């Protein structure tokens, strides 16, 4: 079975941001990270694009989202705090995908990464992965490129950089590949101060 990915974006209203971060940091992310099949959990803040917040969970496989333990804390079984915060967010997107490159590699630690580029390639051809890999060699500072296929058949890439990069540069390199990226957001690791 291929490694899986759960990628979630959202943004709370400004008046809820502090509580949103309290909820995510003290309840939601730790709860998810302890579930069977969840191999890593990290939060990211958008520096170019929208929405503001990104969470990434590496999964042993997408089957981790079908376990009784996951079901016990999701949807109607969510905590009261989750039920209060989540409906007030906007830009909410939940992507479940299987890793198709590079095998079973997990994400680099956010401690090693200055920027993370998330790109979405809807309806990408089968040969698009090779094209994306060739193009990525032109990205200076690229530490890791992981490519996924979601349940709808679209490609997603996560490009991890050891230094800040511009959205324009990433768009120039990746935007013309794999039938063109329809979304390119840049994120920085989130550290609560």
C-alpha atoms as a PDB file:
ATOM      1  CA  UNK A   1       0.000   0.000   0.000  1.00  0.00           C
ATOM      2  CA  UNK A   2       1.146   3.556  -0.743  1.00  0.00           C
ATOM      3  CA  UNK A   3       1.738   6.140   1.934  1.00  0.00           C
ATOM      4  CA  UNK A   4      -1.170   8.513   2.367  1.00  0.00           C
ATOM      5  CA  UNK A   5      -1.621  12.210   2.933  1.00  0.00           C
ATOM      6  CA  UNK A   6      -4.281  14.245   4.663  1.00  0.00           C
ATOM      7  CA  UNK A   7      -3.931  17.926   3.760  1.00  0.00           C
ATOM      8  CA  UNK A   8      -6.326  20.437   5.306  1.00  0.00           C
ATOM      9  CA  UNK A   9      -6.614  24.189   4.714  1.00  0.00           C
ATOM     10  CA  UNK A  10      -8.828  26.703   6.491  1.00  0.00           C
ATOM     11  CA  UNK A  11      -9.011  30.190   7.907  1.00  0.00           C
ATOM     12  CA  UNK A  12     -10.887  31.400  10.969  1.00  0.00           C
ATOM     13  CA  UNK A  13     -12.399  34.866  11.228  1.00  0.00           C
ATOM     14  CA  UNK A  14      -9.979  37.348  12.812  1.00  0.00           C
ATOM     15  CA  UNK A  15     -11.915  37.408  16.097  1.00  0.00           C
ATOM     16  CA  UNK A  16     -11.535  33.615  16.410  1.00  0.00           C
ATOM     17  CA  UNK A  17      -7.859  33.290  15.418  1.00  0.00           C
ATOM     18  CA  UNK A  18      -6.443  33.035  18.946  1.00  0.00           C
ATOM     19  CA  UNK A  19      -8.979  30.396  19.992  1.00  0.00           C
ATOM     20  CA  UNK A  20      -8.502  28.594  16.662  1.00  0.00           C
ATOM     21  CA  UNK A  21      -4.760  28.289  17.326  1.00  0.00           C
ATOM     22  CA  UNK A  22      -5.381  27.199  20.935  1.00  0.00           C
ATOM     23  CA  UNK A  23      -7.774  24.504  19.683  1.00  0.00           C
ATOM     24  CA  UNK A  24      -5.475  23.318  16.895  1.00  0.00           C
ATOM     25  CA  UNK A  25      -2.306  23.307  19.028  1.00  0.00           C
ATOM     26  CA  UNK A  26      -3.670  21.827  22.243  1.00  0.00           C
ATOM     27  CA  UNK A  27      -6.461  19.535  21.044  1.00  0.00           C
ATOM     28  CA  UNK A  28      -6.881  18.862  17.346  1.00  0.00           C
ATOM     29  CA  UNK A  29      -3.331  18.293  16.046  1.00  0.00           C
ATOM     30  CA  UNK A  30      -2.164  16.219  19.061  1.00  0.00           C
ATOM     31  CA  UNK A  31      -5.359  14.148  18.942  1.00  0.00           C
ATOM     32  CA  UNK A  32      -4.891  13.350  15.260  1.00  0.00           C
ATOM     33  CA  UNK A  33      -1.175  12.666  15.609  1.00  0.00           C
ATOM     34  CA  UNK A  34      -1.852   9.968  18.246  1.00  0.00           C
ATOM     35  CA  UNK A  35      -4.239   8.031  15.976  1.00  0.00           C
ATOM     36  CA  UNK A  36      -3.148   4.721  14.396  1.00  0.00           C
ATOM     37  CA  UNK A  37      -1.593   5.259  10.970  1.00  0.00           C
ATOM     38  CA  UNK A  38      -0.830   8.974  11.519  1.00  0.00           C
ATOM     39  CA  UNK A  39       2.963   9.157  11.091  1.00  0.00           C
ATOM     40  CA  UNK A  40       3.528  12.921  11.268  1.00  0.00           C
ATOM     41  CA  UNK A  41       1.558  16.084  11.879  1.00  0.00           C
ATOM     42  CA  UNK A  42       2.583  19.666  11.137  1.00  0.00           C
ATOM     43  CA  UNK A  43       1.044  23.112  10.800  1.00  0.00           C
ATOM     44  CA  UNK A  44       1.986  25.795   8.306  1.00  0.00           C
ATOM     45  CA  UNK A  45       1.091  29.465   7.814  1.00  0.00           C
ATOM     46  CA  UNK A  46       0.547  30.887   4.325  1.00  0.00           C
ATOM     47  CA  UNK A  47       2.994  33.551   3.108  1.00  0.00           C
ATOM     48  CA  UNK A  48       1.673  33.668  -0.466  1.00  0.00           C
ATOM     49  CA  UNK A  49      -1.816  32.516  -1.378  1.00  0.00           C
ATOM     50  CA  UNK A  50      -4.924  31.634   0.621  1.00  0.00           C
ATOM     51  CA  UNK A  51      -6.239  30.326   3.017  1.00  0.00           C
ATOM     52  CA  UNK A  52      -3.941  31.187   5.899  1.00  0.00           C
ATOM     53  CA  UNK A  53      -3.598  27.810   7.655  1.00  0.00           C
ATOM     54  CA  UNK A  54      -2.422  24.407   6.431  1.00  0.00           C
ATOM     55  CA  UNK A  55      -2.127  21.129   8.323  1.00  0.00           C
ATOM     56  CA  UNK A  56      -0.339  18.125   6.847  1.00  0.00           C
ATOM     57  CA  UNK A  57      -0.582  14.584   8.150  1.00  0.00           C
ATOM     58  CA  UNK A  58       1.556  11.778   6.711  1.00  0.00           C
ATOM     59  CA  UNK A  59      -0.394   8.529   6.861  1.00  0.00           C
ATOM     60  CA  UNK A  60       0.815   4.925   6.697  1.00  0.00           C
ATOM     61  CA  UNK A  61      -1.968   4.665   4.070  1.00  0.00           C
ATOM     62  CA  UNK A  62      -5.267   6.414   3.414  1.00  0.00           C
ATOM     63  CA  UNK A  63      -6.878   3.512   5.320  1.00  0.00           C
ATOM     64  CA  UNK A  64      -5.848   5.351   8.518  1.00  0.00           C
ATOM     65  CA  UNK A  65      -8.923   7.518   7.904  1.00  0.00           C
ATOM     66  CA  UNK A  66     -11.191   4.459   7.995  1.00  0.00           C
ATOM     67  CA  UNK A  67     -10.132   3.123  11.390  1.00  0.00           C
ATOM     68  CA  UNK A  68     -12.561   2.957  14.327  1.00  0.00           C
ATOM     69  CA  UNK A  69     -10.201   5.265  16.253  1.00  0.00           C
ATOM     70  CA  UNK A  70     -10.425   7.973  13.576  1.00  0.00           C
ATOM     71  CA  UNK A  71     -14.190   7.588  13.250  1.00  0.00           C
ATOM     72  CA  UNK A  72     -14.519   7.924  17.036  1.00  0.00           C
ATOM     73  CA  UNK A  73     -13.124  11.495  16.944  1.00  0.00           C
ATOM     74  CA  UNK A  74     -14.396  12.764  13.558  1.00  0.00           C
ATOM     75  CA  UNK A  75     -17.598  14.172  12.084  1.00  0.00           C
ATOM     76  CA  UNK A  76     -20.521  13.786  14.485  1.00  0.00           C
ATOM     77  CA  UNK A  77     -18.097  12.367  17.072  1.00  0.00           C
ATOM     78  CA  UNK A  78     -15.908  15.498  17.113  1.00  0.00           C
ATOM     79  CA  UNK A  79     -15.255  17.232  20.404  1.00  0.00           C
ATOM     80  CA  UNK A  80     -17.487  20.128  21.486  1.00  0.00           C
ATOM     81  CA  UNK A  81     -14.572  22.504  20.883  1.00  0.00           C
ATOM     82  CA  UNK A  82     -14.161  21.193  17.312  1.00  0.00           C
ATOM     83  CA  UNK A  83     -17.890  21.550  16.699  1.00  0.00           C
ATOM     84  CA  UNK A  84     -17.724  25.177  17.846  1.00  0.00           C
ATOM     85  CA  UNK A  85     -14.584  26.212  15.902  1.00  0.00           C
ATOM     86  CA  UNK A  86     -14.746  24.317  12.582  1.00  0.00           C
ATOM     87  CA  UNK A  87     -18.095  25.639  11.273  1.00  0.00           C
ATOM     88  CA  UNK A  88     -16.826  29.199  11.653  1.00  0.00           C
ATOM     89  CA  UNK A  89     -13.799  28.678   9.373  1.00  0.00           C
ATOM     90  CA  UNK A  90     -13.712  29.518   5.668  1.00  0.00           C
ATOM     91  CA  UNK A  91     -11.566  28.219   2.804  1.00  0.00           C
ATOM     92  CA  UNK A  92     -11.835  24.769   4.286  1.00  0.00           C
ATOM     93  CA  UNK A  93     -10.461  22.082   2.031  1.00  0.00           C
ATOM     94  CA  UNK A  94      -9.667  18.482   2.935  1.00  0.00           C
ATOM     95  CA  UNK A  95      -7.493  16.501   0.513  1.00  0.00           C
ATOM     96  CA  UNK A  96      -6.923  12.764   0.915  1.00  0.00           C
ATOM     97  CA  UNK A  97      -4.276  11.395  -1.447  1.00  0.00           C
ATOM     98  CA  UNK A  98      -1.851   8.549  -2.074  1.00  0.00           C
ATOM     99  CA  UNK A  99       1.868   9.252  -2.422  1.00  0.00           C
ATOM    100  CA  UNK A 100       3.183   8.329  -5.874  1.00  0.00           C
ATOM    101  CA  UNK A 101       6.659   9.870  -5.574  1.00  0.00           C
ATOM    102  CA  UNK A 102       9.190   9.216  -3.984  1.00  0.00           C
ATOM    103  CA  UNK A 103       8.027   5.939  -2.549  1.00  0.00           C
ATOM    104  CA  UNK A 104       7.628   5.897   1.225  1.00  0.00           C
ATOM    105  CA  UNK A 105       9.457   9.112   2.188  1.00  0.00           C
ATOM    106  CA  UNK A 106       7.885  11.067   5.017  1.00  0.00           C
ATOM    107  CA  UNK A 107       7.886  14.844   5.093  1.00  0.00           C
ATOM    108  CA  UNK A 108      11.023  16.627   6.153  1.00  0.00           C
ATOM    109  CA  UNK A 109      10.799  18.081   9.626  1.00  0.00           C
ATOM    110  CA  UNK A 110       9.504  21.671   9.672  1.00  0.00           C
ATOM    111  CA  UNK A 111      12.769  22.444  11.512  1.00  0.00           C
ATOM    112  CA  UNK A 112      14.615  21.763   8.220  1.00  0.00           C
ATOM    113  CA  UNK A 113      12.269  23.740   5.957  1.00  0.00           C
ATOM    114  CA  UNK A 114      11.973  27.480   5.295  1.00  0.00           C
ATOM    115  CA  UNK A 115       9.125  27.246   2.760  1.00  0.00           C
ATOM    116  CA  UNK A 116       6.665  24.619   1.598  1.00  0.00           C
ATOM    117  CA  UNK A 117       4.959  24.979  -1.765  1.00  0.00           C
ATOM    118  CA  UNK A 118       1.614  23.242  -2.256  1.00  0.00           C
ATOM    119  CA  UNK A 119       0.586  22.915  -5.909  1.00  0.00           C
ATOM    120  CA  UNK A 120      -2.577  21.366  -7.370  1.00  0.00           C
ATOM    121  CA  UNK A 121      -2.699  19.966 -10.909  1.00  0.00           C
ATOM    122  CA  UNK A 122      -6.315  19.072 -11.761  1.00  0.00           C
ATOM    123  CA  UNK A 123      -6.817  16.397 -14.396  1.00  0.00           C
ATOM    124  CA  UNK A 124      -3.077  15.857 -14.869  1.00  0.00           C
ATOM    125  CA  UNK A 125      -1.978  13.257 -17.418  1.00  0.00           C
ATOM    126  CA  UNK A 126      -0.234  10.034 -16.375  1.00  0.00           C
ATOM    127  CA  UNK A 127       3.145  11.307 -17.651  1.00  0.00           C
ATOM    128  CA  UNK A 128       2.767  14.551 -15.686  1.00  0.00           C
ATOM    129  CA  UNK A 129       4.765  13.240 -12.726  1.00  0.00           C
ATOM    130  CA  UNK A 130       7.899  12.775 -14.862  1.00  0.00           C
ATOM    131  CA  UNK A 131       7.437  16.267 -16.290  1.00  0.00           C
ATOM    132  CA  UNK A 132       7.040  17.709 -12.805  1.00  0.00           C
ATOM    133  CA  UNK A 133      10.160  15.919 -11.546  1.00  0.00           C
ATOM    134  CA  UNK A 134      12.239  17.196 -14.493  1.00  0.00           C
ATOM    135  CA  UNK A 135      11.055  20.778 -13.989  1.00  0.00           C
ATOM    136  CA  UNK A 136      11.704  20.699 -10.249  1.00  0.00           C
ATOM    137  CA  UNK A 137      15.465  20.331 -10.824  1.00  0.00           C
ATOM    138  CA  UNK A 138      15.458  24.056 -11.701  1.00  0.00           C
ATOM    139  CA  UNK A 139      14.247  25.002  -8.212  1.00  0.00           C
ATOM    140  CA  UNK A 140      17.219  26.168  -6.151  1.00  0.00           C
ATOM    141  CA  UNK A 141      17.012  25.191  -2.490  1.00  0.00           C
ATOM    142  CA  UNK A 142      14.587  22.314  -3.095  1.00  0.00           C
ATOM    143  CA  UNK A 143      15.153  19.707  -0.395  1.00  0.00           C
ATOM    144  CA  UNK A 144      12.267  17.348  -1.122  1.00  0.00           C
ATOM    145  CA  UNK A 145       9.492  16.977  -3.679  1.00  0.00           C
ATOM    146  CA  UNK A 146       6.611  14.650  -2.911  1.00  0.00           C
ATOM    147  CA  UNK A 147       3.808  13.994  -5.401  1.00  0.00           C
ATOM    148  CA  UNK A 148       0.341  12.631  -4.617  1.00  0.00           C
ATOM    149  CA  UNK A 149      -2.796  11.608  -6.485  1.00  0.00           C
ATOM    150  CA  UNK A 150      -6.075  12.438  -4.763  1.00  0.00           C
ATOM    151  CA  UNK A 151      -9.293  10.450  -4.879  1.00  0.00           C
ATOM    152  CA  UNK A 152     -10.511  12.484  -7.896  1.00  0.00           C
ATOM    153  CA  UNK A 153      -7.325  11.637  -9.853  1.00  0.00           C
ATOM    154  CA  UNK A 154      -5.727  15.091  -9.526  1.00  0.00           C
ATOM    155  CA  UNK A 155      -2.036  15.538  -8.740  1.00  0.00           C
ATOM    156  CA  UNK A 156      -0.769  17.459  -5.721  1.00  0.00           C
ATOM    157  CA  UNK A 157       2.862  18.301  -5.043  1.00  0.00           C
ATOM    158  CA  UNK A 158       4.569  19.342  -1.838  1.00  0.00           C
ATOM    159  CA  UNK A 159       7.907  21.022  -2.522  1.00  0.00           C
ATOM    160  CA  UNK A 160      10.019  21.649   0.588  1.00  0.00           C
ATOM    161  CA  UNK A 161      12.712  24.344   0.413  1.00  0.00           C
ATOM    162  CA  UNK A 162      15.648  25.018   2.714  1.00  0.00           C
ATOM    163  CA  UNK A 163      15.386  28.764   2.093  1.00  0.00           C
ATOM    164  CA  UNK A 164      12.662  31.284   1.278  1.00  0.00           C
ATOM    165  CA  UNK A 165      11.585  31.275  -2.388  1.00  0.00           C
ATOM    166  CA  UNK A 166       9.217  33.497  -4.310  1.00  0.00           C
ATOM    167  CA  UNK A 167       5.798  32.383  -5.454  1.00  0.00           C
ATOM    168  CA  UNK A 168       6.609  33.869  -8.870  1.00  0.00           C
ATOM    169  CA  UNK A 169       9.635  31.597  -9.280  1.00  0.00           C
ATOM    170  CA  UNK A 170       7.762  28.472  -8.219  1.00  0.00           C
ATOM    171  CA  UNK A 171       4.847  29.413 -10.480  1.00  0.00           C
ATOM    172  CA  UNK A 172       7.237  29.972 -13.398  1.00  0.00           C
ATOM    173  CA  UNK A 173       8.821  26.538 -12.945  1.00  0.00           C
ATOM    174  CA  UNK A 174       5.810  24.439 -11.899  1.00  0.00           C
ATOM    175  CA  UNK A 175       2.999  26.446 -13.497  1.00  0.00           C
ATOM    176  CA  UNK A 176       3.905  25.283 -16.984  1.00  0.00           C
ATOM    177  CA  UNK A 177       4.169  21.594 -16.083  1.00  0.00           C
ATOM    178  CA  UNK A 178       1.620  18.815 -15.808  1.00  0.00           C
ATOM    179  CA  UNK A 179      -1.010  20.817 -17.721  1.00  0.00           C
ATOM    180  CA  UNK A 180      -0.390  23.752 -15.369  1.00  0.00           C
ATOM    181  CA  UNK A 181      -0.900  24.177 -11.650  1.00  0.00           C
ATOM    182  CA  UNK A 182      -4.226  25.739 -10.728  1.00  0.00           C
ATOM    183  CA  UNK A 183      -3.096  26.515  -7.192  1.00  0.00           C
ATOM    184  CA  UNK A 184       0.348  27.392  -5.902  1.00  0.00           C
ATOM    185  CA  UNK A 185       0.533  28.466  -2.249  1.00  0.00           C
ATOM    186  CA  UNK A 186       3.704  29.051  -0.252  1.00  0.00           C
ATOM    187  CA  UNK A 187       3.780  28.267   3.452  1.00  0.00           C
ATOM    188  CA  UNK A 188       6.264  28.751   6.291  1.00  0.00           C
ATOM    189  CA  UNK A 189       6.463  26.444   9.296  1.00  0.00           C
ATOM    190  CA  UNK A 190       4.119  27.515  12.061  1.00  0.00           C
ATOM    191  CA  UNK A 191       5.683  28.061  15.466  1.00  0.00           C
ATOM    192  CA  UNK A 192       3.555  29.478  18.253  1.00  0.00           C
ATOM    193  CA  UNK A 193       5.288  32.258  20.139  1.00  0.00           C
END
